[in-house]
């Protein structure tokens, strides 16, 4: 049963949501986290919202929850990042 649960989690679709200051380098720094892991996100959406806040949404398969937690924590340490959170879709 443990192997089944772990493989199901590995196939889970995770959504990372990032809000940031409108810095042109933010999007590349966020995507770099996945590039370093050789992971191609399923989808990426970035939009400059009201009050000059950049909203980034990344859907990704092939990672586990622990790795997503680490990615979000590292992003939250970065400059120009207001918040980075993930959840299972």
C-alpha atoms as a PDB file:
ATOM      1  CA  UNK A   1       0.000   0.000   0.000  1.00  0.00           C
ATOM      2  CA  UNK A   2       2.791   2.455   0.718  1.00  0.00           C
ATOM      3  CA  UNK A   3       4.146   2.114  -2.811  1.00  0.00           C
ATOM      4  CA  UNK A   4       0.683   2.816  -4.231  1.00  0.00           C
ATOM      5  CA  UNK A   5       0.227   5.945  -2.103  1.00  0.00           C
ATOM      6  CA  UNK A   6       3.650   7.250  -3.011  1.00  0.00           C
ATOM      7  CA  UNK A   7       3.112   6.660  -6.738  1.00  0.00           C
ATOM      8  CA  UNK A   8      -0.300   8.347  -6.560  1.00  0.00           C
ATOM      9  CA  UNK A   9       1.244  11.357  -4.831  1.00  0.00           C
ATOM     10  CA  UNK A  10       3.971  11.431  -7.478  1.00  0.00           C
ATOM     11  CA  UNK A  11       1.281  11.638 -10.167  1.00  0.00           C
ATOM     12  CA  UNK A  12      -0.606  14.389  -8.356  1.00  0.00           C
ATOM     13  CA  UNK A  13      -1.006  17.732 -10.067  1.00  0.00           C
ATOM     14  CA  UNK A  14       0.366  20.518  -7.899  1.00  0.00           C
ATOM     15  CA  UNK A  15      -0.304  24.223  -8.367  1.00  0.00           C
ATOM     16  CA  UNK A  16       2.255  26.771  -7.221  1.00  0.00           C
ATOM     17  CA  UNK A  17       0.879  30.290  -6.834  1.00  0.00           C
ATOM     18  CA  UNK A  18       3.282  33.175  -6.486  1.00  0.00           C
ATOM     19  CA  UNK A  19       2.580  36.856  -5.965  1.00  0.00           C
ATOM     20  CA  UNK A  20       5.458  39.220  -6.510  1.00  0.00           C
ATOM     21  CA  UNK A  21       6.488  42.771  -7.143  1.00  0.00           C
ATOM     22  CA  UNK A  22       6.470  43.677 -10.862  1.00  0.00           C
ATOM     23  CA  UNK A  23      10.143  42.904 -11.500  1.00  0.00           C
ATOM     24  CA  UNK A  24      10.966  41.508 -14.970  1.00  0.00           C
ATOM     25  CA  UNK A  25      13.391  38.988 -13.442  1.00  0.00           C
ATOM     26  CA  UNK A  26      10.869  37.362 -11.091  1.00  0.00           C
ATOM     27  CA  UNK A  27       9.326  35.022 -13.657  1.00  0.00           C
ATOM     28  CA  UNK A  28      12.687  33.629 -14.727  1.00  0.00           C
ATOM     29  CA  UNK A  29      13.778  33.156 -11.102  1.00  0.00           C
ATOM     30  CA  UNK A  30      10.586  31.229 -10.321  1.00  0.00           C
ATOM     31  CA  UNK A  31      10.912  29.016 -13.408  1.00  0.00           C
ATOM     32  CA  UNK A  32      14.595  28.438 -12.675  1.00  0.00           C
ATOM     33  CA  UNK A  33      13.588  26.309  -9.674  1.00  0.00           C
ATOM     34  CA  UNK A  34      11.990  23.817 -12.047  1.00  0.00           C
ATOM     35  CA  UNK A  35      14.756  24.053 -14.630  1.00  0.00           C
ATOM     36  CA  UNK A  36      17.308  23.079 -11.976  1.00  0.00           C
ATOM     37  CA  UNK A  37      15.248  19.918 -11.298  1.00  0.00           C
ATOM     38  CA  UNK A  38      14.862  19.191 -15.031  1.00  0.00           C
ATOM     39  CA  UNK A  39      11.072  19.493 -14.662  1.00  0.00           C
ATOM     40  CA  UNK A  40       8.950  21.015 -17.407  1.00  0.00           C
ATOM     41  CA  UNK A  41       5.793  22.540 -15.872  1.00  0.00           C
ATOM     42  CA  UNK A  42       2.484  21.438 -17.351  1.00  0.00           C
ATOM     43  CA  UNK A  43       1.342  25.063 -17.570  1.00  0.00           C
ATOM     44  CA  UNK A  44       2.586  28.514 -16.627  1.00  0.00           C
ATOM     45  CA  UNK A  45       0.473  31.642 -16.382  1.00  0.00           C
ATOM     46  CA  UNK A  46       1.695  35.096 -15.432  1.00  0.00           C
ATOM     47  CA  UNK A  47      -0.423  38.206 -15.197  1.00  0.00           C
ATOM     48  CA  UNK A  48       0.226  41.715 -13.989  1.00  0.00           C
ATOM     49  CA  UNK A  49      -2.729  42.454 -11.759  1.00  0.00           C
ATOM     50  CA  UNK A  50      -4.175  45.535 -10.192  1.00  0.00           C
ATOM     51  CA  UNK A  51      -1.940  47.578  -7.946  1.00  0.00           C
ATOM     52  CA  UNK A  52       1.117  46.405  -9.901  1.00  0.00           C
ATOM     53  CA  UNK A  53       1.267  42.892  -8.406  1.00  0.00           C
ATOM     54  CA  UNK A  54       2.554  40.037 -10.560  1.00  0.00           C
ATOM     55  CA  UNK A  55       0.573  36.789 -10.224  1.00  0.00           C
ATOM     56  CA  UNK A  56       2.249  33.567 -11.374  1.00  0.00           C
ATOM     57  CA  UNK A  57       0.543  30.172 -11.485  1.00  0.00           C
ATOM     58  CA  UNK A  58       2.504  27.026 -12.315  1.00  0.00           C
ATOM     59  CA  UNK A  59       0.956  23.552 -12.623  1.00  0.00           C
ATOM     60  CA  UNK A  60       3.429  20.699 -12.353  1.00  0.00           C
ATOM     61  CA  UNK A  61       3.407  16.895 -12.387  1.00  0.00           C
ATOM     62  CA  UNK A  62       6.254  14.642 -11.340  1.00  0.00           C
ATOM     63  CA  UNK A  63       7.191  16.151  -7.982  1.00  0.00           C
ATOM     64  CA  UNK A  64       6.247  15.112  -4.486  1.00  0.00           C
ATOM     65  CA  UNK A  65       4.728  17.297  -1.782  1.00  0.00           C
ATOM     66  CA  UNK A  66       8.018  17.619   0.114  1.00  0.00           C
ATOM     67  CA  UNK A  67       9.786  19.000  -2.961  1.00  0.00           C
ATOM     68  CA  UNK A  68       6.962  21.485  -3.596  1.00  0.00           C
ATOM     69  CA  UNK A  69       7.217  22.649   0.017  1.00  0.00           C
ATOM     70  CA  UNK A  70      10.951  23.238  -0.410  1.00  0.00           C
ATOM     71  CA  UNK A  71      10.432  25.138  -3.671  1.00  0.00           C
ATOM     72  CA  UNK A  72       7.800  27.399  -2.098  1.00  0.00           C
ATOM     73  CA  UNK A  73       9.995  28.013   0.962  1.00  0.00           C
ATOM     74  CA  UNK A  74      12.996  28.944  -1.206  1.00  0.00           C
ATOM     75  CA  UNK A  75      10.863  31.282  -3.288  1.00  0.00           C
ATOM     76  CA  UNK A  76       9.518  32.964  -0.154  1.00  0.00           C
ATOM     77  CA  UNK A  77      13.112  33.781   0.798  1.00  0.00           C
ATOM     78  CA  UNK A  78      13.682  35.614  -2.481  1.00  0.00           C
ATOM     79  CA  UNK A  79      13.581  39.320  -3.022  1.00  0.00           C
ATOM     80  CA  UNK A  80      10.532  40.741  -4.761  1.00  0.00           C
ATOM     81  CA  UNK A  81       8.434  37.667  -3.826  1.00  0.00           C
ATOM     82  CA  UNK A  82       5.419  38.608  -1.721  1.00  0.00           C
ATOM     83  CA  UNK A  83       4.080  35.054  -1.234  1.00  0.00           C
ATOM     84  CA  UNK A  84       4.569  31.574  -2.673  1.00  0.00           C
ATOM     85  CA  UNK A  85       2.160  28.747  -1.814  1.00  0.00           C
ATOM     86  CA  UNK A  86       1.203  25.456  -3.396  1.00  0.00           C
ATOM     87  CA  UNK A  87      -1.719  23.070  -3.231  1.00  0.00           C
ATOM     88  CA  UNK A  88      -2.850  19.848  -4.862  1.00  0.00           C
ATOM     89  CA  UNK A  89      -5.296  20.344  -7.726  1.00  0.00           C
END
